Each structure stands twice: as structure tokens, then as C-alpha cells.
PDB file of all heavy atoms in Angstrom:
ATOM      1  N   PRO A   1       0.768  -1.207  -0.042  1.00  0.00           N
ATOM      2  CA  PRO A   1      -0.027   0.023   0.033  1.00  0.00           C
ATOM      3  C   PRO A   1       0.822   1.267   0.014  1.00  0.00           C
ATOM      4  O   PRO A   1       0.387   2.317  -0.667  1.00  0.00           O
ATOM      5  CB  PRO A   1      -0.856  -0.110   1.323  1.00  0.00           C
ATOM      6  CG  PRO A   1      -0.083  -1.124   2.209  1.00  0.00           C
ATOM      7  CD  PRO A   1       0.524  -2.075   1.177  1.00  0.00           C
ATOM      8  N   ARG A   2       1.920   1.290   0.550  1.00  0.00           N
ATOM      9  CA  ARG A   2       2.773   2.521   0.700  1.00  0.00           C
ATOM     10  C   ARG A   2       3.930   2.528  -0.278  1.00  0.00           C
ATOM     11  O   ARG A   2       4.251   3.394  -1.032  1.00  0.00           O
ATOM     12  CB  ARG A   2       3.205   2.808   2.168  1.00  0.00           C
ATOM     13  CG  ARG A   2       4.123   4.034   2.273  1.00  0.00           C
ATOM     14  CD  ARG A   2       3.454   5.323   1.940  1.00  0.00           C
ATOM     15  NE  ARG A   2       4.367   6.447   1.834  1.00  0.00           N
ATOM     16  CZ  ARG A   2       4.801   7.087   2.940  1.00  0.00           C
ATOM     17  NH1 ARG A   2       4.416   6.776   4.194  1.00  0.00           N
ATOM     18  NH2 ARG A   2       5.616   8.118   2.820  1.00  0.00           N
ATOM     19  N   PHE A   3       4.756   1.447  -0.107  1.00  0.00           N
ATOM     20  CA  PHE A   3       5.940   1.275  -0.958  1.00  0.00           C
ATOM     21  C   PHE A   3       5.645   0.102  -1.867  1.00  0.00           C
ATOM     22  O   PHE A   3       5.722  -1.046  -1.404  1.00  0.00           O
ATOM     23  CB  PHE A   3       7.172   1.092  -0.146  1.00  0.00           C
ATOM     24  CG  PHE A   3       7.392   2.242   0.912  1.00  0.00           C
ATOM     25  CD1 PHE A   3       7.149   1.880   2.269  1.00  0.00           C
ATOM     26  CD2 PHE A   3       7.725   3.498   0.588  1.00  0.00           C
ATOM     27  CE1 PHE A   3       7.365   2.911   3.261  1.00  0.00           C
ATOM     28  CE2 PHE A   3       7.883   4.388   1.504  1.00  0.00           C
ATOM     29  CZ  PHE A   3       7.740   4.196   2.882  1.00  0.00           C
ATOM     30  N   GLU A   4       5.511   0.410  -3.140  1.00  0.00           N
ATOM     31  CA  GLU A   4       5.105  -0.694  -4.088  1.00  0.00           C
ATOM     32  C   GLU A   4       6.328  -1.585  -4.507  1.00  0.00           C
ATOM     33  O   GLU A   4       6.301  -2.759  -4.699  1.00  0.00           O
ATOM     34  CB  GLU A   4       4.408  -0.127  -5.254  1.00  0.00           C
ATOM     35  CG  GLU A   4       3.029   0.410  -4.852  1.00  0.00           C
ATOM     36  CD  GLU A   4       2.287   0.853  -6.116  1.00  0.00           C
ATOM     37  OE1 GLU A   4       2.751   0.697  -7.158  1.00  0.00           O
ATOM     38  OE2 GLU A   4       1.137   1.457  -5.987  1.00  0.00           O
ATOM     39  N   LEU A   5       7.497  -0.808  -4.959  1.00  0.00           N
ATOM     40  CA  LEU A   5       8.571  -1.571  -5.500  1.00  0.00           C
ATOM     41  C   LEU A   5       9.973  -1.441  -4.677  1.00  0.00           C
ATOM     42  O   LEU A   5      10.628  -2.329  -4.670  1.00  0.00           O
ATOM     43  CB  LEU A   5       8.933  -0.921  -6.863  1.00  0.00           C
ATOM     44  CG  LEU A   5       7.708  -1.124  -7.907  1.00  0.00           C
ATOM     45  CD1 LEU A   5       8.065  -0.465  -9.271  1.00  0.00           C
ATOM     46  CD2 LEU A   5       7.426  -2.622  -8.188  1.00  0.00           C
ATOM     47  N   SER A   6      10.015  -0.238  -4.024  1.00  0.00           N
ATOM     48  CA  SER A   6      11.301  -0.094  -3.270  1.00  0.00           C
ATOM     49  C   SER A   6      11.016   0.986  -2.189  1.00  0.00           C
ATOM     50  O   SER A   6      10.008   1.611  -2.098  1.00  0.00           O
ATOM     51  CB  SER A   6      12.470   0.369  -4.193  1.00  0.00           C
ATOM     52  OG  SER A   6      12.153   1.644  -4.807  1.00  0.00           O
ATOM     53  N   LEU A   7      12.132   1.125  -1.297  1.00  0.00           N
ATOM     54  CA  LEU A   7      11.964   2.152  -0.276  1.00  0.00           C
ATOM     55  C   LEU A   7      12.809   3.329  -0.697  1.00  0.00           C
ATOM     56  O   LEU A   7      13.669   3.260  -1.479  1.00  0.00           O
ATOM     57  CB  LEU A   7      12.519   1.498   1.077  1.00  0.00           C
ATOM     58  CG  LEU A   7      11.992   0.232   1.549  1.00  0.00           C
ATOM     59  CD1 LEU A   7      12.628  -0.207   2.836  1.00  0.00           C
ATOM     60  CD2 LEU A   7      10.438   0.379   1.692  1.00  0.00           C
ATOM     61  N   PRO A   8      12.502   4.521   0.062  1.00  0.00           N
ATOM     62  CA  PRO A   8      13.249   5.723  -0.237  1.00  0.00           C
ATOM     63  C   PRO A   8      14.708   5.552   0.122  1.00  0.00           C
ATOM     64  O   PRO A   8      15.104   4.923   1.023  1.00  0.00           O
ATOM     65  CB  PRO A   8      12.496   6.737   0.706  1.00  0.00           C
ATOM     66  CG  PRO A   8      11.126   6.187   0.864  1.00  0.00           C
ATOM     67  CD  PRO A   8      11.334   4.667   0.825  1.00  0.00           C
ATOM     68  N   LEU A   9      15.513   6.227  -0.752  1.00  0.00           N
ATOM     69  CA  LEU A   9      16.965   6.212  -0.579  1.00  0.00           C
ATOM     70  C   LEU A   9      17.355   6.687   0.724  1.00  0.00           C
ATOM     71  O   LEU A   9      18.358   6.297   1.311  1.00  0.00           O
ATOM     72  CB  LEU A   9      17.664   6.998  -1.740  1.00  0.00           C
ATOM     73  CG  LEU A   9      17.485   6.411  -3.129  1.00  0.00           C
ATOM     74  CD1 LEU A   9      18.197   7.302  -4.150  1.00  0.00           C
ATOM     75  CD2 LEU A   9      18.178   4.989  -3.235  1.00  0.00           C
ATOM     76  N   GLU A  10      16.657   7.730   1.273  1.00  0.00           N
ATOM     77  CA  GLU A  10      17.034   8.342   2.615  1.00  0.00           C
ATOM     78  C   GLU A  10      16.899   7.201   3.688  1.00  0.00           C
ATOM     79  O   GLU A  10      17.741   7.157   4.615  1.00  0.00           O
ATOM     80  CB  GLU A  10      16.072   9.467   2.951  1.00  0.00           C
ATOM     81  CG  GLU A  10      16.216  10.735   2.046  1.00  0.00           C
ATOM     82  CD  GLU A  10      15.581  10.581   0.767  1.00  0.00           C
ATOM     83  OE1 GLU A  10      14.741   9.534   0.491  1.00  0.00           O
ATOM     84  OE2 GLU A  10      15.738  11.337  -0.158  1.00  0.00           O
ATOM     85  N   MET A  11      15.936   6.330   3.646  1.00  0.00           N
ATOM     86  CA  MET A  11      15.796   5.218   4.601  1.00  0.00           C
ATOM     87  C   MET A  11      17.010   4.348   4.432  1.00  0.00           C
ATOM     88  O   MET A  11      17.567   3.847   5.403  1.00  0.00           O
ATOM     89  CB  MET A  11      14.440   4.482   4.468  1.00  0.00           C
ATOM     90  CG  MET A  11      13.182   5.338   4.827  1.00  0.00           C
ATOM     91  SD  MET A  11      11.731   4.341   4.553  1.00  0.00           S
ATOM     92  CE  MET A  11      12.026   2.970   5.728  1.00  0.00           C
ATOM     93  N   LEU A  12      17.251   3.920   3.235  1.00  0.00           N
ATOM     94  CA  LEU A  12      18.348   3.032   3.014  1.00  0.00           C
ATOM     95  C   LEU A  12      19.677   3.556   3.366  1.00  0.00           C
ATOM     96  O   LEU A  12      20.455   2.788   4.009  1.00  0.00           O
ATOM     97  CB  LEU A  12      18.390   2.692   1.480  1.00  0.00           C
ATOM     98  CG  LEU A  12      17.048   2.073   0.958  1.00  0.00           C
ATOM     99  CD1 LEU A  12      17.197   1.683  -0.552  1.00  0.00           C
ATOM    100  CD2 LEU A  12      16.612   0.880   1.760  1.00  0.00           C
ATOM    101  N   GLN A  13      19.920   4.777   3.104  1.00  0.00           N
ATOM    102  CA  GLN A  13      21.206   5.473   3.503  1.00  0.00           C
ATOM    103  C   GLN A  13      21.352   5.409   5.027  1.00  0.00           C
ATOM    104  O   GLN A  13      22.453   5.148   5.568  1.00  0.00           O
ATOM    105  CB  GLN A  13      21.307   6.827   3.021  1.00  0.00           C
ATOM    106  CG  GLN A  13      22.653   7.501   3.177  1.00  0.00           C
ATOM    107  CD  GLN A  13      23.856   6.728   2.534  1.00  0.00           C
ATOM    108  OE1 GLN A  13      23.825   6.429   1.427  1.00  0.00           O
ATOM    109  NE2 GLN A  13      24.822   6.448   3.390  1.00  0.00           N
ATOM    110  N   ALA A  14      20.274   5.867   5.713  1.00  0.00           N
ATOM    111  CA  ALA A  14      20.298   5.982   7.154  1.00  0.00           C
ATOM    112  C   ALA A  14      20.572   4.484   7.780  1.00  0.00           C
ATOM    113  O   ALA A  14      21.243   4.360   8.696  1.00  0.00           O
ATOM    114  CB  ALA A  14      19.051   6.508   7.678  1.00  0.00           C
ATOM    115  N   ALA A  15      19.919   3.483   7.231  1.00  0.00           N
ATOM    116  CA  ALA A  15      20.036   2.122   7.675  1.00  0.00           C
ATOM    117  C   ALA A  15      21.537   1.625   7.442  1.00  0.00           C
ATOM    118  O   ALA A  15      22.056   1.019   8.420  1.00  0.00           O
ATOM    119  CB  ALA A  15      19.093   1.250   6.956  1.00  0.00           C
ATOM    120  N   ASP A  16      22.096   1.988   6.303  1.00  0.00           N
ATOM    121  CA  ASP A  16      23.481   1.594   6.083  1.00  0.00           C
ATOM    122  C   ASP A  16      24.449   2.362   7.053  1.00  0.00           C
ATOM    123  O   ASP A  16      25.383   1.661   7.608  1.00  0.00           O
ATOM    124  CB  ASP A  16      23.902   1.904   4.637  1.00  0.00           C
ATOM    125  CG  ASP A  16      23.372   0.889   3.689  1.00  0.00           C
ATOM    126  OD1 ASP A  16      23.171  -0.305   4.064  1.00  0.00           O
ATOM    127  OD2 ASP A  16      23.168   1.141   2.506  1.00  0.00           O
ATOM    128  N   ASP A  17      24.082   3.579   7.304  1.00  0.00           N
ATOM    129  CA  ASP A  17      24.995   4.296   8.284  1.00  0.00           C
ATOM    130  C   ASP A  17      25.003   3.769   9.680  1.00  0.00           C
ATOM    131  O   ASP A  17      25.959   3.779  10.396  1.00  0.00           O
ATOM    132  CB  ASP A  17      24.620   5.797   8.293  1.00  0.00           C
ATOM    133  CG  ASP A  17      24.817   6.491   6.977  1.00  0.00           C
ATOM    134  OD1 ASP A  17      25.779   6.024   6.151  1.00  0.00           O
ATOM    135  OD2 ASP A  17      24.358   7.562   6.709  1.00  0.00           O
ATOM    136  N   ARG A  18      23.759   3.344  10.035  1.00  0.00           N
ATOM    137  CA  ARG A  18      23.535   2.724  11.432  1.00  0.00           C
ATOM    138  C   ARG A  18      23.880   1.272  11.566  1.00  0.00           C
ATOM    139  O   ARG A  18      23.775   0.711  12.558  1.00  0.00           O
ATOM    140  CB  ARG A  18      22.115   3.149  11.846  1.00  0.00           C
ATOM    141  CG  ARG A  18      21.913   4.514  12.083  1.00  0.00           C
ATOM    142  CD  ARG A  18      22.647   5.104  13.305  1.00  0.00           C
ATOM    143  NE  ARG A  18      22.450   6.492  13.584  1.00  0.00           N
ATOM    144  CZ  ARG A  18      22.893   7.142  14.703  1.00  0.00           C
ATOM    145  NH1 ARG A  18      23.588   6.446  15.571  1.00  0.00           N
ATOM    146  NH2 ARG A  18      22.573   8.420  14.893  1.00  0.00           N
ATOM    147  N   GLY A  19      23.981   0.568  10.416  1.00  0.00           N
ATOM    148  CA  GLY A  19      24.110  -0.829  10.461  1.00  0.00           C
ATOM    149  C   GLY A  19      22.962  -1.649  10.942  1.00  0.00           C
ATOM    150  O   GLY A  19      23.035  -2.681  11.524  1.00  0.00           O
ATOM    151  N   MET A  20      21.735  -1.099  10.645  1.00  0.00           N
ATOM    152  CA  MET A  20      20.557  -1.778  10.994  1.00  0.00           C
ATOM    153  C   MET A  20      19.865  -2.396   9.797  1.00  0.00           C
ATOM    154  O   MET A  20      19.553  -1.623   8.860  1.00  0.00           O
ATOM    155  CB  MET A  20      19.540  -0.749  11.667  1.00  0.00           C
ATOM    156  CG  MET A  20      18.292  -1.455  12.219  1.00  0.00           C
ATOM    157  SD  MET A  20      16.988  -0.352  12.815  1.00  0.00           S
ATOM    158  CE  MET A  20      16.382   0.286  11.246  1.00  0.00           C
ATOM    159  N   PRO A  21      19.730  -3.659   9.666  1.00  0.00           N
ATOM    160  CA  PRO A  21      19.090  -4.322   8.557  1.00  0.00           C
ATOM    161  C   PRO A  21      17.678  -3.827   8.186  1.00  0.00           C
ATOM    162  O   PRO A  21      16.936  -3.696   9.126  1.00  0.00           O
ATOM    163  CB  PRO A  21      19.146  -5.798   8.797  1.00  0.00           C
ATOM    164  CG  PRO A  21      20.106  -5.897   9.877  1.00  0.00           C
ATOM    165  CD  PRO A  21      20.077  -4.681  10.762  1.00  0.00           C
ATOM    166  N   VAL A  22      17.459  -3.523   6.897  1.00  0.00           N
ATOM    167  CA  VAL A  22      16.138  -3.142   6.405  1.00  0.00           C
ATOM    168  C   VAL A  22      15.823  -4.335   5.375  1.00  0.00           C
ATOM    169  O   VAL A  22      16.568  -4.464   4.436  1.00  0.00           O
ATOM    170  CB  VAL A  22      16.025  -1.829   5.861  1.00  0.00           C
ATOM    171  CG1 VAL A  22      14.662  -1.569   5.199  1.00  0.00           C
ATOM    172  CG2 VAL A  22      16.357  -0.746   6.912  1.00  0.00           C
ATOM    173  N   VAL A  23      14.623  -4.940   5.602  1.00  0.00           N
ATOM    174  CA  VAL A  23      14.216  -6.057   4.753  1.00  0.00           C
ATOM    175  C   VAL A  23      12.931  -5.687   4.061  1.00  0.00           C
ATOM    176  O   VAL A  23      12.015  -5.278   4.824  1.00  0.00           O
ATOM    177  CB  VAL A  23      14.152  -7.302   5.553  1.00  0.00           C
ATOM    178  CG1 VAL A  23      13.766  -8.486   4.721  1.00  0.00           C
ATOM    179  CG2 VAL A  23      15.488  -7.592   6.252  1.00  0.00           C
ATOM    180  N   VAL A  24      12.789  -5.950   2.889  1.00  0.00           N
ATOM    181  CA  VAL A  24      11.475  -5.866   2.241  1.00  0.00           C
ATOM    182  C   VAL A  24      10.861  -7.161   1.962  1.00  0.00           C
ATOM    183  O   VAL A  24      11.612  -8.049   1.525  1.00  0.00           O
ATOM    184  CB  VAL A  24      11.491  -4.931   0.982  1.00  0.00           C
ATOM    185  CG1 VAL A  24      11.925  -3.559   1.304  1.00  0.00           C
ATOM    186  CG2 VAL A  24      12.436  -5.603  -0.060  1.00  0.00           C
ATOM    187  N   LEU A  25       9.526  -7.350   2.091  1.00  0.00           N
ATOM    188  CA  LEU A  25       8.890  -8.574   1.712  1.00  0.00           C
ATOM    189  C   LEU A  25       8.139  -8.323   0.362  1.00  0.00           C
ATOM    190  O   LEU A  25       7.201  -7.597   0.287  1.00  0.00           O
ATOM    191  CB  LEU A  25       7.899  -8.918   2.848  1.00  0.00           C
ATOM    192  CG  LEU A  25       8.409  -9.023   4.288  1.00  0.00           C
ATOM    193  CD1 LEU A  25       7.430  -9.408   5.210  1.00  0.00           C
ATOM    194  CD2 LEU A  25       9.591 -10.039   4.268  1.00  0.00           C
ATOM    195  N   ARG A  26       8.559  -9.093  -0.606  1.00  0.00           N
ATOM    196  CA  ARG A  26       8.037  -8.830  -1.906  1.00  0.00           C
ATOM    197  C   ARG A  26       6.745  -9.576  -2.225  1.00  0.00           C
ATOM    198  O   ARG A  26       6.100  -9.348  -3.224  1.00  0.00           O
ATOM    199  CB  ARG A  26       9.127  -9.284  -3.027  1.00  0.00           C
ATOM    200  CG  ARG A  26      10.358  -8.405  -2.872  1.00  0.00           C
ATOM    201  CD  ARG A  26      11.389  -8.764  -3.990  1.00  0.00           C
ATOM    202  NE  ARG A  26      11.845 -10.090  -3.798  1.00  0.00           N
ATOM    203  CZ  ARG A  26      12.946 -10.542  -4.575  1.00  0.00           C
ATOM    204  NH1 ARG A  26      13.397  -9.812  -5.542  1.00  0.00           N
ATOM    205  NH2 ARG A  26      13.287 -11.863  -4.409  1.00  0.00           N
ATOM    206  N   ARG A  27       6.462 -10.472  -1.313  1.00  0.00           N
ATOM    207  CA  ARG A  27       5.127 -11.260  -1.485  1.00  0.00           C
ATOM    208  C   ARG A  27       4.191 -10.891  -0.232  1.00  0.00           C
ATOM    209  O   ARG A  27       4.667 -10.958   0.911  1.00  0.00           O
ATOM    210  CB  ARG A  27       5.449 -12.754  -1.559  1.00  0.00           C
ATOM    211  CG  ARG A  27       4.298 -13.631  -1.928  1.00  0.00           C
ATOM    212  CD  ARG A  27       4.714 -14.990  -2.074  1.00  0.00           C
ATOM    213  NE  ARG A  27       5.737 -15.174  -3.022  1.00  0.00           N
ATOM    214  CZ  ARG A  27       6.615 -16.170  -3.004  1.00  0.00           C
ATOM    215  NH1 ARG A  27       6.671 -17.033  -2.071  1.00  0.00           N
ATOM    216  NH2 ARG A  27       7.447 -16.154  -4.070  1.00  0.00           N
ATOM    217  N   HIS A  28       3.007 -10.627  -0.519  1.00  0.00           N
ATOM    218  CA  HIS A  28       2.043 -10.304   0.483  1.00  0.00           C
ATOM    219  C   HIS A  28       1.857 -11.488   1.492  1.00  0.00           C
ATOM    220  O   HIS A  28       1.723 -12.714   1.034  1.00  0.00           O
ATOM    221  CB  HIS A  28       0.641  -9.917  -0.059  1.00  0.00           C
ATOM    222  CG  HIS A  28      -0.424  -9.603   1.004  1.00  0.00           C
ATOM    223  ND1 HIS A  28      -0.325  -8.500   1.735  1.00  0.00           N
ATOM    224  CD2 HIS A  28      -1.404 -10.378   1.405  1.00  0.00           C
ATOM    225  CE1 HIS A  28      -1.369  -8.465   2.583  1.00  0.00           C
ATOM    226  NE2 HIS A  28      -2.116  -9.690   2.409  1.00  0.00           N
ATOM    227  N   THR A  29       1.929 -11.170   2.777  1.00  0.00           N
ATOM    228  CA  THR A  29       1.651 -12.147   3.852  1.00  0.00           C
ATOM    229  C   THR A  29       1.078 -11.577   5.017  1.00  0.00           C
ATOM    230  O   THR A  29       1.117 -10.292   5.236  1.00  0.00           O
ATOM    231  CB  THR A  29       3.146 -12.795   4.208  1.00  0.00           C
ATOM    232  OG1 THR A  29       2.864 -13.912   5.074  1.00  0.00           O
ATOM    233  CG2 THR A  29       4.062 -11.871   4.865  1.00  0.00           C
ATOM    234  N   ALA A  30       0.373 -12.374   5.903  1.00  0.00           N
ATOM    235  CA  ALA A  30      -0.131 -11.800   7.065  1.00  0.00           C
ATOM    236  C   ALA A  30       0.894 -11.730   8.136  1.00  0.00           C
ATOM    237  O   ALA A  30       1.544 -12.667   8.471  1.00  0.00           O
ATOM    238  CB  ALA A  30      -1.296 -12.711   7.587  1.00  0.00           C
ATOM    239  N   PHE A  31       1.076 -10.487   8.697  1.00  0.00           N
ATOM    240  CA  PHE A  31       2.110 -10.347   9.733  1.00  0.00           C
ATOM    241  C   PHE A  31       1.943 -11.287  11.005  1.00  0.00           C
ATOM    242  O   PHE A  31       2.822 -11.687  11.639  1.00  0.00           O
ATOM    243  CB  PHE A  31       2.117  -8.936  10.233  1.00  0.00           C
ATOM    244  CG  PHE A  31       2.824  -7.905   9.191  1.00  0.00           C
ATOM    245  CD1 PHE A  31       2.830  -6.597   9.431  1.00  0.00           C
ATOM    246  CD2 PHE A  31       3.472  -8.495   8.117  1.00  0.00           C
ATOM    247  CE1 PHE A  31       3.457  -5.693   8.516  1.00  0.00           C
ATOM    248  CE2 PHE A  31       4.072  -7.584   7.254  1.00  0.00           C
ATOM    249  CZ  PHE A  31       4.065  -6.196   7.454  1.00  0.00           C
ATOM    250  N   VAL A  32       0.608 -11.547  11.285  1.00  0.00           N
ATOM    251  CA  VAL A  32       0.373 -12.379  12.391  1.00  0.00           C
ATOM    252  C   VAL A  32       0.993 -13.787  12.210  1.00  0.00           C
ATOM    253  O   VAL A  32       1.405 -14.425  13.251  1.00  0.00           O
ATOM    254  CB  VAL A  32      -1.144 -12.484  12.711  1.00  0.00           C
ATOM    255  CG1 VAL A  32      -1.804 -13.269  11.564  1.00  0.00           C
ATOM    256  CG2 VAL A  32      -1.391 -13.169  14.066  1.00  0.00           C
ATOM    257  N   SER A  33       1.050 -14.255  11.007  1.00  0.00           N
ATOM    258  CA  SER A  33       1.632 -15.607  10.750  1.00  0.00           C
ATOM    259  C   SER A  33       3.107 -15.572  10.947  1.00  0.00           C
ATOM    260  O   SER A  33       3.737 -16.581  11.577  1.00  0.00           O
ATOM    261  CB  SER A  33       1.253 -16.044   9.387  1.00  0.00           C
ATOM    262  OG  SER A  33       1.976 -15.163   8.390  1.00  0.00           O
ATOM    263  N   ILE A  34       3.741 -14.406  10.773  1.00  0.00           N
ATOM    264  CA  ILE A  34       5.134 -14.215  11.034  1.00  0.00           C
ATOM    265  C   ILE A  34       5.366 -14.201  12.539  1.00  0.00           C
ATOM    266  O   ILE A  34       6.307 -14.945  13.083  1.00  0.00           O
ATOM    267  CB  ILE A  34       5.786 -12.988  10.416  1.00  0.00           C
ATOM    268  CG1 ILE A  34       5.648 -13.229   8.827  1.00  0.00           C
ATOM    269  CG2 ILE A  34       7.188 -12.780  10.776  1.00  0.00           C
ATOM    270  CD1 ILE A  34       6.160 -11.926   8.074  1.00  0.00           C
ATOM    271  N   THR A  35       4.618 -13.416  13.314  1.00  0.00           N
ATOM    272  CA  THR A  35       4.839 -13.304  14.691  1.00  0.00           C
ATOM    273  C   THR A  35       4.560 -14.702  15.488  1.00  0.00           C
ATOM    274  O   THR A  35       5.396 -14.990  16.347  1.00  0.00           O
ATOM    275  CB  THR A  35       3.991 -12.162  15.285  1.00  0.00           C
ATOM    276  OG1 THR A  35       2.500 -12.448  15.094  1.00  0.00           O
ATOM    277  CG2 THR A  35       4.252 -10.882  14.764  1.00  0.00           C
ATOM    278  N   GLU A  36       3.582 -15.368  15.025  1.00  0.00           N
ATOM    279  CA  GLU A  36       3.278 -16.709  15.639  1.00  0.00           C
ATOM    280  C   GLU A  36       4.484 -17.637  15.414  1.00  0.00           C
ATOM    281  O   GLU A  36       4.898 -18.384  16.292  1.00  0.00           O
ATOM    282  CB  GLU A  36       1.944 -17.145  15.071  1.00  0.00           C
ATOM    283  CG  GLU A  36       0.783 -16.578  15.532  1.00  0.00           C
ATOM    284  CD  GLU A  36      -0.445 -17.151  15.007  1.00  0.00           C
ATOM    285  OE1 GLU A  36      -0.359 -17.902  14.066  1.00  0.00           O
ATOM    286  OE2 GLU A  36      -1.626 -16.868  15.501  1.00  0.00           O
ATOM    287  N   ASP A  37       4.864 -17.621  14.187  1.00  0.00           N
ATOM    288  CA  ASP A  37       6.068 -18.508  13.837  1.00  0.00           C
ATOM    289  C   ASP A  37       7.287 -18.203  14.621  1.00  0.00           C
ATOM    290  O   ASP A  37       7.904 -19.005  15.217  1.00  0.00           O
ATOM    291  CB  ASP A  37       6.315 -18.434  12.230  1.00  0.00           C
ATOM    292  CG  ASP A  37       7.471 -19.409  11.829  1.00  0.00           C
ATOM    293  OD1 ASP A  37       7.664 -20.461  12.528  1.00  0.00           O
ATOM    294  OD2 ASP A  37       8.074 -19.089  10.855  1.00  0.00           O
ATOM    295  N   VAL A  38       7.662 -16.905  14.515  1.00  0.00           N
ATOM    296  CA  VAL A  38       8.954 -16.482  15.199  1.00  0.00           C
ATOM    297  C   VAL A  38       8.741 -16.695  16.664  1.00  0.00           C
ATOM    298  O   VAL A  38       9.794 -17.237  17.387  1.00  0.00           O
ATOM    299  CB  VAL A  38       9.269 -15.122  14.771  1.00  0.00           C
ATOM    300  CG1 VAL A  38      10.531 -14.662  15.535  1.00  0.00           C
ATOM    301  CG2 VAL A  38       9.535 -14.959  13.353  1.00  0.00           C
ATOM    302  N   HIS A  39       7.761 -16.255  17.345  1.00  0.00           N
ATOM    303  CA  HIS A  39       7.574 -16.358  18.839  1.00  0.00           C
ATOM    304  C   HIS A  39       7.633 -17.822  19.204  1.00  0.00           C
ATOM    305  O   HIS A  39       8.217 -18.146  20.246  1.00  0.00           O
ATOM    306  CB  HIS A  39       6.396 -15.658  19.214  1.00  0.00           C
ATOM    307  CG  HIS A  39       6.393 -14.064  19.024  1.00  0.00           C
ATOM    308  ND1 HIS A  39       5.324 -13.354  19.108  1.00  0.00           N
ATOM    309  CD2 HIS A  39       7.440 -13.373  18.719  1.00  0.00           C
ATOM    310  CE1 HIS A  39       5.704 -12.020  18.977  1.00  0.00           C
ATOM    311  NE2 HIS A  39       7.025 -11.972  18.696  1.00  0.00           N
TER     312      HIS A  39
END
């Protein structure tokens, strides 16, 4: 709904500078299935 193909460069640059991984999910999925699985 917000970012269709990629993220803004400002976010990516800031993430690289801080060493914090940013991951995009290219296939639609329910977040609750992720939280249940991971927890």
C-alpha cells in the first residue's frame, strides 16, 4: 500500500550508516503468521 517496488533512498542510507538491517517482503503475507512462527 505505501511502498510498491522499493524504499526511499533516505531510509536505506540511514540504515546503512547505522548498520541496522532493512528487509522488504516482496510477497504479501499476514504479519500475524510471522509473529506466531517466530515467537
